[in-house]
Amino acid sequence: LQNSSVITVVDFTKSSREKRMWIIDILNKKLLLNTLVAH
C-alpha cells in the first residue's frame, strides 16, 4: 500500500438499486463517499 488510510468496500450482496460502494478514510474514521456501483 502507498495509502493505507483509504479503503473502498463494494458489497454485491446488496441490490444494484442501492448505494453499495463505500470509500472510507479509516485513519480519520470518516465516510468519504457512498455511491452506486455496477456489477
PDB file of all heavy atoms in Angstrom:
ATOM      1  N   LEU A   1       0.818  -1.209   0.000  1.00  0.00           N
ATOM      2  CA  LEU A   1       0.000   0.000   0.000  1.00  0.00           C
ATOM      3  C   LEU A   1       0.851   1.257   0.000  1.00  0.00           C
ATOM      4  O   LEU A   1       1.840   1.347   0.710  1.00  0.00           O
ATOM      5  CB  LEU A   1      -0.903   0.027   1.237  1.00  0.00           C
ATOM      6  CG  LEU A   1      -1.814  -1.170   1.439  1.00  0.00           C
ATOM      7  CD1 LEU A   1      -2.551  -1.042   2.753  1.00  0.00           C
ATOM      8  CD2 LEU A   1      -2.791  -1.285   0.289  1.00  0.00           C
ATOM      9  N   GLN A   2       0.408   2.245  -0.782  1.00  0.00           N
ATOM     10  CA  GLN A   2       1.020   3.571  -0.700  1.00  0.00           C
ATOM     11  C   GLN A   2       0.186   4.455   0.214  1.00  0.00           C
ATOM     12  O   GLN A   2       0.700   5.357   0.841  1.00  0.00           O
ATOM     13  CB  GLN A   2       1.146   4.200  -2.082  1.00  0.00           C
ATOM     14  CG  GLN A   2       2.219   3.549  -2.922  1.00  0.00           C
ATOM     15  CD  GLN A   2       2.311   4.161  -4.305  1.00  0.00           C
ATOM     16  OE1 GLN A   2       1.567   5.065  -4.678  1.00  0.00           O
ATOM     17  NE2 GLN A   2       3.231   3.654  -5.096  1.00  0.00           N
ATOM     18  N   ASN A   3      -1.116   4.208   0.258  1.00  0.00           N
ATOM     19  CA  ASN A   3      -2.022   4.976   1.109  1.00  0.00           C
ATOM     20  C   ASN A   3      -2.873   3.983   1.880  1.00  0.00           C
ATOM     21  O   ASN A   3      -3.825   3.431   1.346  1.00  0.00           O
ATOM     22  CB  ASN A   3      -2.898   5.906   0.263  1.00  0.00           C
ATOM     23  CG  ASN A   3      -3.858   6.720   1.100  1.00  0.00           C
ATOM     24  OD1 ASN A   3      -3.986   6.526   2.308  1.00  0.00           O
ATOM     25  ND2 ASN A   3      -4.541   7.640   0.462  1.00  0.00           N
ATOM     26  N   SER A   4      -2.527   3.750   3.132  1.00  0.00           N
ATOM     27  CA  SER A   4      -3.251   2.745   3.912  1.00  0.00           C
ATOM     28  C   SER A   4      -4.401   3.343   4.715  1.00  0.00           C
ATOM     29  O   SER A   4      -5.069   2.628   5.447  1.00  0.00           O
ATOM     30  CB  SER A   4      -2.289   2.014   4.846  1.00  0.00           C
ATOM     31  OG  SER A   4      -1.672   2.925   5.732  1.00  0.00           O
ATOM     32  N   SER A   5      -4.673   4.635   4.551  1.00  0.00           N
ATOM     33  CA  SER A   5      -5.772   5.212   5.322  1.00  0.00           C
ATOM     34  C   SER A   5      -7.106   5.139   4.583  1.00  0.00           C
ATOM     35  O   SER A   5      -8.150   5.309   5.185  1.00  0.00           O
ATOM     36  CB  SER A   5      -5.461   6.663   5.704  1.00  0.00           C
ATOM     37  OG  SER A   5      -5.441   7.493   4.560  1.00  0.00           O
ATOM     38  N   VAL A   6      -7.082   4.890   3.275  1.00  0.00           N
ATOM     39  CA  VAL A   6      -8.321   4.841   2.492  1.00  0.00           C
ATOM     40  C   VAL A   6      -8.596   3.402   2.071  1.00  0.00           C
ATOM     41  O   VAL A   6      -7.713   2.705   1.585  1.00  0.00           O
ATOM     42  CB  VAL A   6      -8.218   5.743   1.243  1.00  0.00           C
ATOM     43  CG1 VAL A   6      -9.435   5.566   0.340  1.00  0.00           C
ATOM     44  CG2 VAL A   6      -8.080   7.199   1.650  1.00  0.00           C
ATOM     45  N   ILE A   7      -9.841   2.983   2.262  1.00  0.00           N
ATOM     46  CA  ILE A   7     -10.282   1.660   1.818  1.00  0.00           C
ATOM     47  C   ILE A   7     -11.620   1.817   1.102  1.00  0.00           C
ATOM     48  O   ILE A   7     -12.470   2.614   1.513  1.00  0.00           O
ATOM     49  CB  ILE A   7     -10.389   0.660   2.994  1.00  0.00           C
ATOM     50  CG1 ILE A   7     -10.765  -0.738   2.487  1.00  0.00           C
ATOM     51  CG2 ILE A   7     -11.331   1.147   4.064  1.00  0.00           C
ATOM     52  CD1 ILE A   7     -10.653  -1.837   3.526  1.00  0.00           C
ATOM     53  N   THR A   8     -11.768   1.068   0.034  1.00  0.00           N
ATOM     54  CA  THR A   8     -13.025   1.034  -0.713  1.00  0.00           C
ATOM     55  C   THR A   8     -13.656  -0.331  -0.506  1.00  0.00           C
ATOM     56  O   THR A   8     -12.992  -1.350  -0.651  1.00  0.00           O
ATOM     57  CB  THR A   8     -12.785   1.273  -2.213  1.00  0.00           C
ATOM     58  OG1 THR A   8     -12.101   2.509  -2.382  1.00  0.00           O
ATOM     59  CG2 THR A   8     -14.090   1.290  -2.988  1.00  0.00           C
ATOM     60  N   VAL A   9     -14.949  -0.336  -0.163  1.00  0.00           N
ATOM     61  CA  VAL A   9     -15.685  -1.580   0.026  1.00  0.00           C
ATOM     62  C   VAL A   9     -16.888  -1.561  -0.909  1.00  0.00           C
ATOM     63  O   VAL A   9     -17.666  -0.601  -0.921  1.00  0.00           O
ATOM     64  CB  VAL A   9     -16.164  -1.747   1.492  1.00  0.00           C
ATOM     65  CG1 VAL A   9     -17.009  -3.000   1.639  1.00  0.00           C
ATOM     66  CG2 VAL A   9     -14.984  -1.748   2.442  1.00  0.00           C
ATOM     67  N   VAL A  10     -17.022  -2.622  -1.702  1.00  0.00           N
ATOM     68  CA  VAL A  10     -18.172  -2.824  -2.575  1.00  0.00           C
ATOM     69  C   VAL A  10     -18.896  -4.055  -2.057  1.00  0.00           C
ATOM     70  O   VAL A  10     -18.283  -5.113  -1.897  1.00  0.00           O
ATOM     71  CB  VAL A  10     -17.732  -3.016  -4.038  1.00  0.00           C
ATOM     72  CG1 VAL A  10     -18.922  -3.376  -4.919  1.00  0.00           C
ATOM     73  CG2 VAL A  10     -17.016  -1.775  -4.558  1.00  0.00           C
ATOM     74  N   ASP A  11     -20.194  -3.924  -1.796  1.00  0.00           N
ATOM     75  CA  ASP A  11     -20.965  -5.039  -1.250  1.00  0.00           C
ATOM     76  C   ASP A  11     -21.999  -5.515  -2.251  1.00  0.00           C
ATOM     77  O   ASP A  11     -23.101  -4.967  -2.340  1.00  0.00           O
ATOM     78  CB  ASP A  11     -21.628  -4.634   0.061  1.00  0.00           C
ATOM     79  CG  ASP A  11     -22.267  -5.808   0.774  1.00  0.00           C
ATOM     80  OD1 ASP A  11     -22.265  -6.936   0.222  1.00  0.00           O
ATOM     81  OD2 ASP A  11     -22.770  -5.612   1.890  1.00  0.00           O
ATOM     82  N   PHE A  12     -21.628  -6.559  -3.000  1.00  0.00           N
ATOM     83  CA  PHE A  12     -22.530  -7.110  -4.005  1.00  0.00           C
ATOM     84  C   PHE A  12     -23.566  -8.058  -3.411  1.00  0.00           C
ATOM     85  O   PHE A  12     -24.260  -8.744  -4.154  1.00  0.00           O
ATOM     86  CB  PHE A  12     -21.743  -7.787  -5.123  1.00  0.00           C
ATOM     87  CG  PHE A  12     -21.112  -6.817  -6.101  1.00  0.00           C
ATOM     88  CD1 PHE A  12     -19.951  -7.160  -6.757  1.00  0.00           C
ATOM     89  CD2 PHE A  12     -21.686  -5.590  -6.370  1.00  0.00           C
ATOM     90  CE1 PHE A  12     -19.367  -6.297  -7.668  1.00  0.00           C
ATOM     91  CE2 PHE A  12     -21.113  -4.705  -7.266  1.00  0.00           C
ATOM     92  CZ  PHE A  12     -19.948  -5.065  -7.927  1.00  0.00           C
ATOM     93  N   THR A  13     -23.711  -8.101  -2.092  1.00  0.00           N
ATOM     94  CA  THR A  13     -24.851  -8.807  -1.509  1.00  0.00           C
ATOM     95  C   THR A  13     -26.080  -7.898  -1.509  1.00  0.00           C
ATOM     96  O   THR A  13     -27.170  -8.342  -1.196  1.00  0.00           O
ATOM     97  CB  THR A  13     -24.567  -9.286  -0.065  1.00  0.00           C
ATOM     98  OG1 THR A  13     -24.423  -8.159   0.792  1.00  0.00           O
ATOM     99  CG2 THR A  13     -23.331 -10.171  -0.007  1.00  0.00           C
ATOM    100  N   LYS A  14     -25.894  -6.652  -1.853  1.00  0.00           N
ATOM    101  CA  LYS A  14     -26.986  -5.675  -1.915  1.00  0.00           C
ATOM    102  C   LYS A  14     -27.482  -5.514  -3.347  1.00  0.00           C
ATOM    103  O   LYS A  14     -26.756  -5.742  -4.309  1.00  0.00           O
ATOM    104  CB  LYS A  14     -26.516  -4.322  -1.374  1.00  0.00           C
ATOM    105  CG  LYS A  14     -26.127  -4.370   0.089  1.00  0.00           C
ATOM    106  CD  LYS A  14     -25.858  -2.980   0.604  1.00  0.00           C
ATOM    107  CE  LYS A  14     -25.712  -2.977   2.106  1.00  0.00           C
ATOM    108  NZ  LYS A  14     -26.899  -3.399   2.819  1.00  0.00           N
ATOM    109  N   SER A  15     -28.715  -5.071  -3.469  1.00  0.00           N
ATOM    110  CA  SER A  15     -29.339  -4.809  -4.756  1.00  0.00           C
ATOM    111  C   SER A  15     -28.584  -3.707  -5.501  1.00  0.00           C
ATOM    112  O   SER A  15     -28.062  -2.774  -4.880  1.00  0.00           O
ATOM    113  CB  SER A  15     -30.786  -4.367  -4.515  1.00  0.00           C
ATOM    114  OG  SER A  15     -31.317  -3.725  -5.644  1.00  0.00           O
ATOM    115  N   SER A  16     -28.583  -3.779  -6.817  1.00  0.00           N
ATOM    116  CA  SER A  16     -27.954  -2.726  -7.619  1.00  0.00           C
ATOM    117  C   SER A  16     -28.708  -1.400  -7.502  1.00  0.00           C
ATOM    118  O   SER A  16     -28.184  -0.359  -7.888  1.00  0.00           O
ATOM    119  CB  SER A  16     -27.849  -3.149  -9.088  1.00  0.00           C
ATOM    120  OG  SER A  16     -29.111  -3.171  -9.718  1.00  0.00           O
ATOM    121  N   ARG A  17     -29.904  -1.437  -6.945  1.00  0.00           N
ATOM    122  CA  ARG A  17     -30.674  -0.207  -6.735  1.00  0.00           C
ATOM    123  C   ARG A  17     -30.187   0.572  -5.513  1.00  0.00           C
ATOM    124  O   ARG A  17     -30.613   1.696  -5.294  1.00  0.00           O
ATOM    125  CB  ARG A  17     -32.156  -0.539  -6.580  1.00  0.00           C
ATOM    126  CG  ARG A  17     -32.760  -1.196  -7.812  1.00  0.00           C
ATOM    127  CD  ARG A  17     -34.237  -1.520  -7.605  1.00  0.00           C
ATOM    128  NE  ARG A  17     -34.453  -2.274  -6.386  1.00  0.00           N
ATOM    129  CZ  ARG A  17     -34.723  -3.571  -6.316  1.00  0.00           C
ATOM    130  NH1 ARG A  17     -34.798  -4.278  -7.420  1.00  0.00           N
ATOM    131  NH2 ARG A  17     -34.915  -4.173  -5.169  1.00  0.00           N
ATOM    132  N   GLU A  18     -29.294  -0.057  -4.728  1.00  0.00           N
ATOM    133  CA  GLU A  18     -28.774   0.577  -3.510  1.00  0.00           C
ATOM    134  C   GLU A  18     -27.362   1.104  -3.726  1.00  0.00           C
ATOM    135  O   GLU A  18     -26.620   0.565  -4.548  1.00  0.00           O
ATOM    136  CB  GLU A  18     -28.733  -0.444  -2.367  1.00  0.00           C
ATOM    137  CG  GLU A  18     -30.079  -0.984  -1.971  1.00  0.00           C
ATOM    138  CD  GLU A  18     -29.950  -2.007  -0.853  1.00  0.00           C
ATOM    139  OE1 GLU A  18     -29.435  -1.643   0.221  1.00  0.00           O
ATOM    140  OE2 GLU A  18     -30.338  -3.170  -1.085  1.00  0.00           O
ATOM    141  N   LYS A  19     -27.018   2.100  -2.952  1.00  0.00           N
ATOM    142  CA  LYS A  19     -25.637   2.585  -2.951  1.00  0.00           C
ATOM    143  C   LYS A  19     -24.819   1.531  -2.216  1.00  0.00           C
ATOM    144  O   LYS A  19     -24.973   1.344  -1.017  1.00  0.00           O
ATOM    145  CB  LYS A  19     -25.547   3.941  -2.263  1.00  0.00           C
ATOM    146  CG  LYS A  19     -26.234   5.042  -3.039  1.00  0.00           C
ATOM    147  CD  LYS A  19     -26.114   6.366  -2.325  1.00  0.00           C
ATOM    148  CE  LYS A  19     -26.772   7.460  -3.150  1.00  0.00           C
ATOM    149  NZ  LYS A  19     -26.647   8.781  -2.487  1.00  0.00           N
ATOM    150  N   ARG A  20     -23.953   0.853  -2.936  1.00  0.00           N
ATOM    151  CA  ARG A  20     -23.248  -0.281  -2.358  1.00  0.00           C
ATOM    152  C   ARG A  20     -21.727  -0.193  -2.505  1.00  0.00           C
ATOM    153  O   ARG A  20     -21.028  -1.177  -2.387  1.00  0.00           O
ATOM    154  CB  ARG A  20     -23.786  -1.591  -2.935  1.00  0.00           C
ATOM    155  CG  ARG A  20     -23.742  -1.654  -4.444  1.00  0.00           C
ATOM    156  CD  ARG A  20     -24.470  -2.851  -4.977  1.00  0.00           C
ATOM    157  NE  ARG A  20     -24.341  -2.876  -6.443  1.00  0.00           N
ATOM    158  CZ  ARG A  20     -24.636  -3.902  -7.183  1.00  0.00           C
ATOM    159  NH1 ARG A  20     -25.082  -5.006  -6.623  1.00  0.00           N
ATOM    160  NH2 ARG A  20     -24.496  -3.852  -8.477  1.00  0.00           N
ATOM    161  N   MET A  21     -21.234   1.015  -2.739  1.00  0.00           N
ATOM    162  CA  MET A  21     -19.795   1.283  -2.700  1.00  0.00           C
ATOM    163  C   MET A  21     -19.550   2.347  -1.640  1.00  0.00           C
ATOM    164  O   MET A  21     -20.187   3.398  -1.631  1.00  0.00           O
ATOM    165  CB  MET A  21     -19.264   1.789  -4.044  1.00  0.00           C
ATOM    166  CG  MET A  21     -17.781   2.226  -3.983  1.00  0.00           C
ATOM    167  SD  MET A  21     -17.203   3.078  -5.470  1.00  0.00           S
ATOM    168  CE  MET A  21     -16.650   1.670  -6.427  1.00  0.00           C
ATOM    169  N   TRP A  22     -18.621   2.029  -0.726  1.00  0.00           N
ATOM    170  CA  TRP A  22     -18.229   2.965   0.316  1.00  0.00           C
ATOM    171  C   TRP A  22     -16.740   3.224   0.206  1.00  0.00           C
ATOM    172  O   TRP A  22     -15.949   2.274   0.105  1.00  0.00           O
ATOM    173  CB  TRP A  22     -18.513   2.400   1.708  1.00  0.00           C
ATOM    174  CG  TRP A  22     -19.952   2.202   2.006  1.00  0.00           C
ATOM    175  CD1 TRP A  22     -20.784   3.054   2.667  1.00  0.00           C
ATOM    176  CD2 TRP A  22     -20.758   1.050   1.690  1.00  0.00           C
ATOM    177  NE1 TRP A  22     -22.052   2.513   2.757  1.00  0.00           N
ATOM    178  CE2 TRP A  22     -22.057   1.284   2.160  1.00  0.00           C
ATOM    179  CE3 TRP A  22     -20.487  -0.154   1.024  1.00  0.00           C
ATOM    180  CZ2 TRP A  22     -23.083   0.368   2.012  1.00  0.00           C
ATOM    181  CZ3 TRP A  22     -21.509  -1.062   0.862  1.00  0.00           C
ATOM    182  CH2 TRP A  22     -22.791  -0.799   1.355  1.00  0.00           C
ATOM    183  N   ILE A  23     -16.359   4.489   0.243  1.00  0.00           N
ATOM    184  CA  ILE A  23     -14.950   4.864   0.327  1.00  0.00           C
ATOM    185  C   ILE A  23     -14.774   5.497   1.699  1.00  0.00           C
ATOM    186  O   ILE A  23     -15.451   6.475   2.032  1.00  0.00           O
ATOM    187  CB  ILE A  23     -14.535   5.821  -0.796  1.00  0.00           C
ATOM    188  CG1 ILE A  23     -14.814   5.178  -2.157  1.00  0.00           C
ATOM    189  CG2 ILE A  23     -13.055   6.191  -0.650  1.00  0.00           C
ATOM    190  CD1 ILE A  23     -14.560   6.095  -3.344  1.00  0.00           C
ATOM    191  N   ILE A  24     -13.883   4.898   2.472  1.00  0.00           N
ATOM    192  CA  ILE A  24     -13.751   5.249   3.884  1.00  0.00           C
ATOM    193  C   ILE A  24     -12.321   5.670   4.194  1.00  0.00           C
ATOM    194  O   ILE A  24     -11.369   5.003   3.782  1.00  0.00           O
ATOM    195  CB  ILE A  24     -14.126   4.037   4.766  1.00  0.00           C
ATOM    196  CG1 ILE A  24     -15.528   3.536   4.400  1.00  0.00           C
ATOM    197  CG2 ILE A  24     -14.018   4.371   6.253  1.00  0.00           C
ATOM    198  CD1 ILE A  24     -15.795   2.111   4.808  1.00  0.00           C
ATOM    199  N   ASP A  25     -12.191   6.759   4.928  1.00  0.00           N
ATOM    200  CA  ASP A  25     -10.900   7.164   5.485  1.00  0.00           C
ATOM    201  C   ASP A  25     -10.857   6.548   6.874  1.00  0.00           C
ATOM    202  O   ASP A  25     -11.467   7.058   7.809  1.00  0.00           O
ATOM    203  CB  ASP A  25     -10.805   8.689   5.554  1.00  0.00           C
ATOM    204  CG  ASP A  25      -9.497   9.185   6.152  1.00  0.00           C
ATOM    205  OD1 ASP A  25      -8.801   8.409   6.855  1.00  0.00           O
ATOM    206  OD2 ASP A  25      -9.181  10.364   5.935  1.00  0.00           O
ATOM    207  N   ILE A  26     -10.167   5.418   7.001  1.00  0.00           N
ATOM    208  CA  ILE A  26     -10.176   4.691   8.273  1.00  0.00           C
ATOM    209  C   ILE A  26      -9.317   5.372   9.326  1.00  0.00           C
ATOM    210  O   ILE A  26      -9.584   5.245  10.514  1.00  0.00           O
ATOM    211  CB  ILE A  26      -9.778   3.209   8.104  1.00  0.00           C
ATOM    212  CG1 ILE A  26      -8.417   3.054   7.446  1.00  0.00           C
ATOM    213  CG2 ILE A  26     -10.835   2.462   7.334  1.00  0.00           C
ATOM    214  CD1 ILE A  26      -7.924   1.629   7.361  1.00  0.00           C
ATOM    215  N   LEU A  27      -8.323   6.132   8.910  1.00  0.00           N
ATOM    216  CA  LEU A  27      -7.477   6.845   9.857  1.00  0.00           C
ATOM    217  C   LEU A  27      -8.274   7.927  10.584  1.00  0.00           C
ATOM    218  O   LEU A  27      -8.194   8.070  11.799  1.00  0.00           O
ATOM    219  CB  LEU A  27      -6.268   7.462   9.139  1.00  0.00           C
ATOM    220  CG  LEU A  27      -5.227   8.115  10.013  1.00  0.00           C
ATOM    221  CD1 LEU A  27      -4.576   7.091  10.943  1.00  0.00           C
ATOM    222  CD2 LEU A  27      -4.165   8.785   9.151  1.00  0.00           C
ATOM    223  N   ASN A  28      -9.077   8.662   9.819  1.00  0.00           N
ATOM    224  CA  ASN A  28      -9.883   9.743  10.400  1.00  0.00           C
ATOM    225  C   ASN A  28     -11.315   9.330  10.706  1.00  0.00           C
ATOM    226  O   ASN A  28     -12.131  10.163  11.078  1.00  0.00           O
ATOM    227  CB  ASN A  28      -9.866  10.955   9.467  1.00  0.00           C
ATOM    228  CG  ASN A  28      -8.480  11.533   9.351  1.00  0.00           C
ATOM    229  OD1 ASN A  28      -7.856  11.867  10.351  1.00  0.00           O
ATOM    230  ND2 ASN A  28      -7.978  11.622   8.124  1.00  0.00           N
ATOM    231  N   LYS A  29     -11.620   8.023  10.489  1.00  0.00           N
ATOM    232  CA  LYS A  29     -12.946   7.472  10.770  1.00  0.00           C
ATOM    233  C   LYS A  29     -14.039   8.307  10.101  1.00  0.00           C
ATOM    234  O   LYS A  29     -14.990   8.775  10.734  1.00  0.00           O
ATOM    235  CB  LYS A  29     -13.186   7.370  12.273  1.00  0.00           C
ATOM    236  CG  LYS A  29     -12.188   6.445  12.949  1.00  0.00           C
ATOM    237  CD  LYS A  29     -12.391   6.378  14.432  1.00  0.00           C
ATOM    238  CE  LYS A  29     -11.320   5.476  15.024  1.00  0.00           C
ATOM    239  NZ  LYS A  29     -11.316   5.488  16.447  1.00  0.00           N
ATOM    240  N   LYS A  30     -13.885   8.461   8.770  1.00  0.00           N
ATOM    241  CA  LYS A  30     -14.787   9.330   8.017  1.00  0.00           C
ATOM    242  C   LYS A  30     -15.226   8.648   6.725  1.00  0.00           C
ATOM    243  O   LYS A  30     -14.401   8.109   5.985  1.00  0.00           O
ATOM    244  CB  LYS A  30     -14.070  10.641   7.695  1.00  0.00           C
ATOM    245  CG  LYS A  30     -14.904  11.637   6.968  1.00  0.00           C
ATOM    246  CD  LYS A  30     -14.120  12.929   6.745  1.00  0.00           C
ATOM    247  CE  LYS A  30     -14.969  13.903   5.948  1.00  0.00           C
ATOM    248  NZ  LYS A  30     -14.196  15.095   5.600  1.00  0.00           N
ATOM    249  N   LEU A  31     -16.525   8.664   6.468  1.00  0.00           N
ATOM    250  CA  LEU A  31     -17.063   8.179   5.208  1.00  0.00           C
ATOM    251  C   LEU A  31     -16.840   9.263   4.161  1.00  0.00           C
ATOM    252  O   LEU A  31     -17.338  10.380   4.305  1.00  0.00           O
ATOM    253  CB  LEU A  31     -18.556   7.855   5.333  1.00  0.00           C
ATOM    254  CG  LEU A  31     -19.256   7.393   4.065  1.00  0.00           C
ATOM    255  CD1 LEU A  31     -18.660   6.076   3.567  1.00  0.00           C
ATOM    256  CD2 LEU A  31     -20.750   7.259   4.299  1.00  0.00           C
ATOM    257  N   LEU A  32     -16.085   8.930   3.124  1.00  0.00           N
ATOM    258  CA  LEU A  32     -15.783   9.907   2.080  1.00  0.00           C
ATOM    259  C   LEU A  32     -16.819   9.902   0.971  1.00  0.00           C
ATOM    260  O   LEU A  32     -17.109  10.942   0.389  1.00  0.00           O
ATOM    261  CB  LEU A  32     -14.392   9.635   1.499  1.00  0.00           C
ATOM    262  CG  LEU A  32     -13.236   9.678   2.499  1.00  0.00           C
ATOM    263  CD1 LEU A  32     -11.927   9.277   1.833  1.00  0.00           C
ATOM    264  CD2 LEU A  32     -13.132  11.058   3.138  1.00  0.00           C
ATOM    265  N   LEU A  33     -17.381   8.723   0.672  1.00  0.00           N
ATOM    266  CA  LEU A  33     -18.371   8.618  -0.392  1.00  0.00           C
ATOM    267  C   LEU A  33     -19.126   7.305  -0.284  1.00  0.00           C
ATOM    268  O   LEU A  33     -18.540   6.273   0.034  1.00  0.00           O
ATOM    269  CB  LEU A  33     -17.673   8.685  -1.769  1.00  0.00           C
ATOM    270  CG  LEU A  33     -18.565   8.664  -3.008  1.00  0.00           C
ATOM    271  CD1 LEU A  33     -19.417   9.932  -3.080  1.00  0.00           C
ATOM    272  CD2 LEU A  33     -17.721   8.532  -4.273  1.00  0.00           C
ATOM    273  N   ASN A  34     -20.413   7.354  -0.532  1.00  0.00           N
ATOM    274  CA  ASN A  34     -21.268   6.175  -0.640  1.00  0.00           C
ATOM    275  C   ASN A  34     -22.037   6.352  -1.939  1.00  0.00           C
ATOM    276  O   ASN A  34     -22.747   7.340  -2.108  1.00  0.00           O
ATOM    277  CB  ASN A  34     -22.197   6.076   0.565  1.00  0.00           C
ATOM    278  CG  ASN A  34     -23.167   4.910   0.506  1.00  0.00           C
ATOM    279  OD1 ASN A  34     -24.298   5.032   0.931  1.00  0.00           O
ATOM    280  ND2 ASN A  34     -22.726   3.773   0.012  1.00  0.00           N
ATOM    281  N   THR A  35     -21.868   5.410  -2.879  1.00  0.00           N
ATOM    282  CA  THR A  35     -22.432   5.616  -4.209  1.00  0.00           C
ATOM    283  C   THR A  35     -22.865   4.313  -4.871  1.00  0.00           C
ATOM    284  O   THR A  35     -22.542   3.224  -4.389  1.00  0.00           O
ATOM    285  CB  THR A  35     -21.410   6.371  -5.103  1.00  0.00           C
ATOM    286  OG1 THR A  35     -22.057   6.818  -6.287  1.00  0.00           O
ATOM    287  CG2 THR A  35     -20.208   5.498  -5.441  1.00  0.00           C
ATOM    288  N   LEU A  36     -23.574   4.446  -5.971  1.00  0.00           N
ATOM    289  CA  LEU A  36     -23.986   3.305  -6.782  1.00  0.00           C
ATOM    290  C   LEU A  36     -22.774   2.712  -7.502  1.00  0.00           C
ATOM    291  O   LEU A  36     -21.840   3.434  -7.844  1.00  0.00           O
ATOM    292  CB  LEU A  36     -25.006   3.749  -7.841  1.00  0.00           C
ATOM    293  CG  LEU A  36     -26.344   4.286  -7.333  1.00  0.00           C
ATOM    294  CD1 LEU A  36     -27.110   4.947  -8.471  1.00  0.00           C
ATOM    295  CD2 LEU A  36     -27.160   3.178  -6.700  1.00  0.00           C
ATOM    296  N   VAL A  37     -22.820   1.401  -7.749  1.00  0.00           N
ATOM    297  CA  VAL A  37     -21.764   0.726  -8.496  1.00  0.00           C
ATOM    298  C   VAL A  37     -22.369  -0.481  -9.218  1.00  0.00           C
ATOM    299  O   VAL A  37     -23.189  -1.205  -8.666  1.00  0.00           O
ATOM    300  CB  VAL A  37     -20.579   0.312  -7.583  1.00  0.00           C
ATOM    301  CG1 VAL A  37     -21.022  -0.661  -6.508  1.00  0.00           C
ATOM    302  CG2 VAL A  37     -19.425  -0.257  -8.382  1.00  0.00           C
ATOM    303  N   ALA A  38     -21.952  -0.661 -10.470  1.00  0.00           N
ATOM    304  CA  ALA A  38     -22.466  -1.767 -11.291  1.00  0.00           C
ATOM    305  C   ALA A  38     -21.665  -3.040 -11.057  1.00  0.00           C
ATOM    306  O   ALA A  38     -20.500  -2.993 -10.665  1.00  0.00           O
ATOM    307  CB  ALA A  38     -22.393  -1.390 -12.768  1.00  0.00           C
ATOM    308  N   HIS A  39     -22.306  -4.171 -11.331  1.00  0.00           N
ATOM    309  CA  HIS A  39     -21.614  -5.454 -11.354  1.00  0.00           C
ATOM    310  C   HIS A  39     -21.651  -5.996 -12.785  1.00  0.00           C
ATOM    311  O   HIS A  39     -22.309  -5.433 -13.660  1.00  0.00           O
ATOM    312  CB  HIS A  39     -22.220  -6.452 -10.357  1.00  0.00           C
ATOM    313  CG  HIS A  39     -23.666  -6.765 -10.575  1.00  0.00           C
ATOM    314  ND1 HIS A  39     -24.659  -6.144  -9.870  1.00  0.00           N
ATOM    315  CD2 HIS A  39     -24.290  -7.639 -11.410  1.00  0.00           C
ATOM    316  CE1 HIS A  39     -25.839  -6.617 -10.246  1.00  0.00           C
ATOM    317  NE2 HIS A  39     -25.640  -7.536 -11.180  1.00  0.00           N
TER     318      HIS A  39
END
